[in-house]
Amino acid sequence: MAIINVTNRAGEAHQFEAKVGATLMEILRDNDMDVEAICGGCCSCATCHIFVDDAWVDKIPAKSEDEQELVEETETYQAINSRLSCQVSMTNDLDGLTIVVAPEE
């Protein structure tokens, strides 16, 4: 297990044990962190949009073209920090990861 630090849409900070191998979307959804995940993790919507803390951006694999297109279409897009949580799998290297759930659109 690894630790993930999450700020939800209400601005409340939480810390969870995160199963290595699970996507961030699954972890957020299972802990009631305001992630709708309408497409179920298929990278075809942006309802699992998150902002990755600057300190962690370079430790996460790069976005695919599909993911980049989807996050660019959101109203709260941040070029460096926006990610779809369904496209990031938890690893031991991400122990301590800090993210913010993006506002609902």
N, C-alpha and C. Protein backbone atom coordinates (compact mmCIF):
# COMPACT_ATOMS: atom_id res chain seq x y z
N MET A 1 0.83 -1.18 0.00
CA MET A 1 0.00 0.00 0.00
C MET A 1 0.88 1.25 0.00
N ALA A 2 0.35 2.29 -0.61
CA ALA A 2 1.02 3.58 -0.64
C ALA A 2 0.03 4.62 -0.10
N ILE A 3 0.51 5.79 0.18
CA ILE A 3 -0.33 6.87 0.71
C ILE A 3 -0.60 7.89 -0.39
N ILE A 4 -1.83 8.40 -0.43
CA ILE A 4 -2.21 9.46 -1.35
C ILE A 4 -2.88 10.57 -0.55
N ASN A 5 -2.52 11.80 -0.87
CA ASN A 5 -3.08 12.99 -0.22
C ASN A 5 -4.02 13.67 -1.20
N VAL A 6 -5.27 13.86 -0.80
CA VAL A 6 -6.30 14.36 -1.70
C VAL A 6 -7.03 15.54 -1.07
N THR A 7 -7.19 16.59 -1.86
CA THR A 7 -8.06 17.68 -1.47
C THR A 7 -9.31 17.58 -2.32
N ASN A 8 -10.48 17.46 -1.68
CA ASN A 8 -11.72 17.30 -2.43
C ASN A 8 -12.24 18.66 -2.91
N ARG A 9 -13.37 18.64 -3.57
CA ARG A 9 -13.93 19.88 -4.13
C ARG A 9 -14.33 20.89 -3.06
N ALA A 10 -14.56 20.45 -1.85
CA ALA A 10 -14.91 21.35 -0.76
C ALA A 10 -13.67 21.95 -0.10
N GLY A 11 -12.48 21.57 -0.59
CA GLY A 11 -11.24 22.08 -0.02
C GLY A 11 -10.76 21.34 1.20
N GLU A 12 -11.37 20.18 1.49
CA GLU A 12 -10.99 19.38 2.66
C GLU A 12 -9.87 18.41 2.30
N ALA A 13 -8.84 18.37 3.11
CA ALA A 13 -7.70 17.49 2.88
C ALA A 13 -7.96 16.11 3.50
N HIS A 14 -7.60 15.08 2.75
CA HIS A 14 -7.74 13.69 3.21
C HIS A 14 -6.48 12.93 2.86
N GLN A 15 -6.25 11.85 3.60
CA GLN A 15 -5.14 10.96 3.30
C GLN A 15 -5.66 9.54 3.32
N PHE A 16 -5.27 8.76 2.29
CA PHE A 16 -5.75 7.38 2.16
C PHE A 16 -4.60 6.44 1.89
N GLU A 17 -4.80 5.19 2.29
CA GLU A 17 -3.93 4.13 1.79
C GLU A 17 -4.45 3.79 0.41
N ALA A 18 -3.56 3.68 -0.54
CA ALA A 18 -3.93 3.44 -1.93
C ALA A 18 -3.32 2.13 -2.42
N LYS A 19 -4.15 1.30 -2.97
CA LYS A 19 -3.69 0.01 -3.47
C LYS A 19 -2.82 0.22 -4.72
N VAL A 20 -1.61 -0.30 -4.65
CA VAL A 20 -0.72 -0.24 -5.81
C VAL A 20 -1.35 -1.04 -6.95
N GLY A 21 -1.37 -0.46 -8.14
CA GLY A 21 -1.97 -1.10 -9.31
C GLY A 21 -3.34 -0.55 -9.64
N ALA A 22 -4.02 0.04 -8.66
CA ALA A 22 -5.33 0.65 -8.91
C ALA A 22 -5.12 2.00 -9.57
N THR A 23 -6.09 2.44 -10.34
CA THR A 23 -6.01 3.78 -10.90
C THR A 23 -6.40 4.79 -9.84
N LEU A 24 -5.95 6.01 -10.01
CA LEU A 24 -6.34 7.06 -9.08
C LEU A 24 -7.85 7.23 -9.08
N MET A 25 -8.48 7.07 -10.24
CA MET A 25 -9.94 7.17 -10.33
C MET A 25 -10.61 6.17 -9.40
N GLU A 26 -10.15 4.94 -9.42
CA GLU A 26 -10.73 3.91 -8.57
C GLU A 26 -10.55 4.25 -7.09
N ILE A 27 -9.38 4.74 -6.75
CA ILE A 27 -9.09 5.09 -5.37
C ILE A 27 -9.98 6.25 -4.92
N LEU A 28 -10.10 7.27 -5.77
CA LEU A 28 -10.93 8.43 -5.44
C LEU A 28 -12.40 8.05 -5.35
N ARG A 29 -12.87 7.30 -6.31
CA ARG A 29 -14.28 6.87 -6.32
C ARG A 29 -14.61 6.03 -5.10
N ASP A 30 -13.74 5.09 -4.77
CA ASP A 30 -13.98 4.20 -3.64
C ASP A 30 -13.94 4.92 -2.29
N ASN A 31 -13.33 6.11 -2.26
CA ASN A 31 -13.24 6.88 -1.02
C ASN A 31 -14.16 8.11 -1.05
N ASP A 32 -15.15 8.10 -1.96
CA ASP A 32 -16.15 9.17 -2.05
C ASP A 32 -15.53 10.56 -2.17
N MET A 33 -14.60 10.71 -3.10
CA MET A 33 -13.90 11.98 -3.29
C MET A 33 -14.42 12.77 -4.49
N ASP A 34 -15.72 12.76 -4.73
CA ASP A 34 -16.37 13.62 -5.73
C ASP A 34 -16.00 13.30 -7.18
N VAL A 35 -15.51 12.12 -7.46
CA VAL A 35 -15.16 11.75 -8.83
C VAL A 35 -16.31 10.94 -9.41
N GLU A 36 -16.91 11.45 -10.49
CA GLU A 36 -18.04 10.77 -11.10
C GLU A 36 -17.61 9.57 -11.94
N ALA A 37 -16.57 9.74 -12.74
CA ALA A 37 -16.04 8.65 -13.58
C ALA A 37 -17.13 8.01 -14.43
N ILE A 38 -17.85 8.84 -15.16
CA ILE A 38 -18.99 8.38 -15.95
C ILE A 38 -18.61 7.29 -16.95
N CYS A 39 -17.44 7.41 -17.59
CA CYS A 39 -17.05 6.43 -18.60
C CYS A 39 -16.43 5.18 -18.00
N GLY A 40 -16.26 5.15 -16.69
CA GLY A 40 -15.71 3.97 -16.03
C GLY A 40 -14.22 3.78 -16.20
N GLY A 41 -13.53 4.80 -16.66
CA GLY A 41 -12.07 4.71 -16.79
C GLY A 41 -11.60 4.45 -18.20
N CYS A 42 -12.44 4.71 -19.17
CA CYS A 42 -12.10 4.43 -20.58
C CYS A 42 -11.47 5.61 -21.30
N CYS A 43 -11.17 6.68 -20.60
CA CYS A 43 -10.58 7.88 -21.20
C CYS A 43 -11.47 8.45 -22.30
N SER A 44 -12.78 8.54 -21.99
CA SER A 44 -13.70 9.10 -22.98
C SER A 44 -14.57 10.21 -22.40
N CYS A 45 -14.28 10.65 -21.18
CA CYS A 45 -14.95 11.80 -20.59
C CYS A 45 -13.91 12.49 -19.72
N ALA A 46 -14.28 13.51 -19.02
CA ALA A 46 -13.31 14.17 -18.13
C ALA A 46 -13.89 14.35 -16.73
N THR A 47 -14.77 13.44 -16.34
CA THR A 47 -15.42 13.56 -15.03
C THR A 47 -14.54 13.04 -13.89
N CYS A 48 -13.32 12.65 -14.21
CA CYS A 48 -12.36 12.24 -13.17
C CYS A 48 -11.14 13.16 -13.18
N HIS A 49 -11.34 14.38 -13.67
CA HIS A 49 -10.28 15.38 -13.79
C HIS A 49 -9.70 15.73 -12.42
N ILE A 50 -8.38 15.74 -12.36
CA ILE A 50 -7.66 16.11 -11.14
C ILE A 50 -6.52 17.06 -11.49
N PHE A 51 -5.98 17.70 -10.45
CA PHE A 51 -4.77 18.50 -10.59
C PHE A 51 -3.69 17.82 -9.75
N VAL A 52 -2.58 17.49 -10.39
CA VAL A 52 -1.46 16.86 -9.71
C VAL A 52 -0.55 17.96 -9.18
N ASP A 53 -0.16 17.84 -7.92
CA ASP A 53 0.74 18.80 -7.31
C ASP A 53 2.04 18.91 -8.11
N ASP A 54 2.57 20.13 -8.21
CA ASP A 54 3.78 20.39 -9.00
C ASP A 54 4.92 19.42 -8.67
N ALA A 55 5.08 19.08 -7.42
CA ALA A 55 6.18 18.21 -6.99
C ALA A 55 6.07 16.80 -7.56
N TRP A 56 4.88 16.43 -8.05
CA TRP A 56 4.64 15.07 -8.51
C TRP A 56 4.47 14.95 -10.02
N VAL A 57 4.32 16.05 -10.71
CA VAL A 57 4.02 16.03 -12.15
C VAL A 57 5.02 15.19 -12.93
N ASP A 58 6.30 15.35 -12.69
CA ASP A 58 7.32 14.64 -13.45
C ASP A 58 7.47 13.17 -13.04
N LYS A 59 6.79 12.76 -11.99
CA LYS A 59 6.90 11.37 -11.53
C LYS A 59 5.79 10.49 -12.10
N ILE A 60 4.86 11.11 -12.83
CA ILE A 60 3.73 10.39 -13.42
C ILE A 60 3.98 10.28 -14.92
N PRO A 61 3.68 9.12 -15.52
CA PRO A 61 3.86 8.99 -16.97
C PRO A 61 3.12 10.08 -17.74
N ALA A 62 3.67 10.43 -18.89
CA ALA A 62 3.10 11.50 -19.73
C ALA A 62 1.68 11.16 -20.18
N LYS A 63 0.92 12.21 -20.51
CA LYS A 63 -0.44 12.05 -21.01
C LYS A 63 -0.43 11.47 -22.41
N SER A 64 -1.44 10.67 -22.71
CA SER A 64 -1.66 10.22 -24.08
C SER A 64 -2.32 11.35 -24.86
N GLU A 65 -2.38 11.24 -26.17
CA GLU A 65 -3.06 12.26 -26.98
C GLU A 65 -4.53 12.36 -26.60
N ASP A 66 -5.18 11.22 -26.38
CA ASP A 66 -6.60 11.23 -26.01
C ASP A 66 -6.82 11.96 -24.68
N GLU A 67 -5.99 11.65 -23.71
CA GLU A 67 -6.13 12.31 -22.41
C GLU A 67 -5.89 13.81 -22.56
N GLN A 68 -4.86 14.20 -23.30
CA GLN A 68 -4.56 15.61 -23.49
C GLN A 68 -5.74 16.36 -24.11
N GLU A 69 -6.36 15.77 -25.13
CA GLU A 69 -7.51 16.40 -25.78
C GLU A 69 -8.66 16.59 -24.80
N LEU A 70 -8.92 15.59 -23.98
CA LEU A 70 -10.03 15.68 -23.03
C LEU A 70 -9.80 16.74 -21.95
N VAL A 71 -8.61 16.78 -21.37
CA VAL A 71 -8.38 17.77 -20.32
C VAL A 71 -8.33 19.19 -20.88
N GLU A 72 -7.87 19.35 -22.11
CA GLU A 72 -7.84 20.67 -22.73
C GLU A 72 -9.24 21.25 -22.92
N GLU A 73 -10.23 20.39 -23.04
CA GLU A 73 -11.60 20.83 -23.25
C GLU A 73 -12.31 21.22 -21.95
N THR A 74 -11.69 21.01 -20.81
CA THR A 74 -12.33 21.37 -19.54
C THR A 74 -12.18 22.85 -19.28
N GLU A 75 -13.12 23.42 -18.53
CA GLU A 75 -13.09 24.84 -18.20
C GLU A 75 -11.95 25.19 -17.26
N THR A 76 -11.49 24.22 -16.47
CA THR A 76 -10.47 24.50 -15.46
C THR A 76 -9.11 23.92 -15.83
N TYR A 77 -8.90 23.66 -17.11
CA TYR A 77 -7.66 23.05 -17.61
C TYR A 77 -6.43 23.81 -17.13
N GLN A 78 -5.46 23.04 -16.63
CA GLN A 78 -4.15 23.56 -16.25
C GLN A 78 -3.12 22.76 -17.05
N ALA A 79 -2.38 23.43 -17.90
CA ALA A 79 -1.49 22.76 -18.85
C ALA A 79 -0.55 21.74 -18.19
N ILE A 80 -0.02 22.07 -17.05
CA ILE A 80 0.96 21.19 -16.41
C ILE A 80 0.29 20.19 -15.46
N ASN A 81 -0.72 20.62 -14.72
CA ASN A 81 -1.24 19.82 -13.62
C ASN A 81 -2.47 18.99 -13.93
N SER A 82 -3.20 19.30 -15.00
CA SER A 82 -4.44 18.57 -15.30
C SER A 82 -4.15 17.16 -15.78
N ARG A 83 -4.85 16.23 -15.17
CA ARG A 83 -4.78 14.82 -15.55
C ARG A 83 -6.16 14.20 -15.40
N LEU A 84 -6.36 13.09 -16.07
CA LEU A 84 -7.54 12.26 -15.83
C LEU A 84 -7.09 11.17 -14.87
N SER A 85 -7.77 11.07 -13.75
CA SER A 85 -7.34 10.11 -12.73
C SER A 85 -7.45 8.67 -13.21
N CYS A 86 -8.27 8.42 -14.22
CA CYS A 86 -8.39 7.06 -14.75
C CYS A 86 -7.16 6.63 -15.53
N GLN A 87 -6.30 7.58 -15.88
CA GLN A 87 -5.13 7.28 -16.69
C GLN A 87 -3.84 7.19 -15.90
N VAL A 88 -3.95 7.29 -14.58
CA VAL A 88 -2.77 7.22 -13.72
C VAL A 88 -2.94 6.05 -12.75
N SER A 89 -2.04 5.09 -12.84
CA SER A 89 -2.06 3.95 -11.93
C SER A 89 -1.13 4.22 -10.75
N MET A 90 -1.58 3.80 -9.59
CA MET A 90 -0.80 3.98 -8.37
C MET A 90 0.37 3.01 -8.36
N THR A 91 1.53 3.53 -8.04
CA THR A 91 2.74 2.72 -7.91
C THR A 91 3.41 3.05 -6.57
N ASN A 92 4.36 2.23 -6.17
CA ASN A 92 5.11 2.53 -4.95
C ASN A 92 5.88 3.83 -5.09
N ASP A 93 6.29 4.18 -6.32
CA ASP A 93 7.02 5.43 -6.54
C ASP A 93 6.15 6.65 -6.30
N LEU A 94 4.83 6.48 -6.28
CA LEU A 94 3.91 7.59 -6.06
C LEU A 94 3.45 7.69 -4.60
N ASP A 95 4.11 6.95 -3.72
CA ASP A 95 3.78 7.01 -2.30
C ASP A 95 3.94 8.45 -1.81
N GLY A 96 2.84 9.02 -1.29
CA GLY A 96 2.84 10.40 -0.83
C GLY A 96 2.27 11.37 -1.84
N LEU A 97 1.83 10.87 -3.00
CA LEU A 97 1.25 11.70 -4.06
C LEU A 97 0.22 12.67 -3.51
N THR A 98 0.25 13.90 -4.01
CA THR A 98 -0.71 14.93 -3.60
C THR A 98 -1.48 15.42 -4.82
N ILE A 99 -2.82 15.37 -4.73
CA ILE A 99 -3.67 15.80 -5.82
C ILE A 99 -4.87 16.60 -5.30
N VAL A 100 -5.50 17.33 -6.21
CA VAL A 100 -6.72 18.07 -5.92
C VAL A 100 -7.76 17.63 -6.93
N VAL A 101 -8.97 17.33 -6.48
CA VAL A 101 -10.05 16.98 -7.39
C VAL A 101 -10.52 18.29 -8.05
N ALA A 102 -10.55 18.29 -9.39
CA ALA A 102 -10.95 19.48 -10.14
C ALA A 102 -12.42 19.81 -9.90
N PRO A 103 -12.78 21.07 -10.04
CA PRO A 103 -14.19 21.46 -9.88
C PRO A 103 -15.09 20.74 -10.87
N GLU A 104 -16.33 20.53 -10.45
CA GLU A 104 -17.31 19.89 -11.33
C GLU A 104 -17.66 20.84 -12.46
N GLU A 105 -17.88 20.26 -13.63
CA GLU A 105 -18.24 21.08 -14.80
C GLU A 105 -19.62 20.75 -15.27
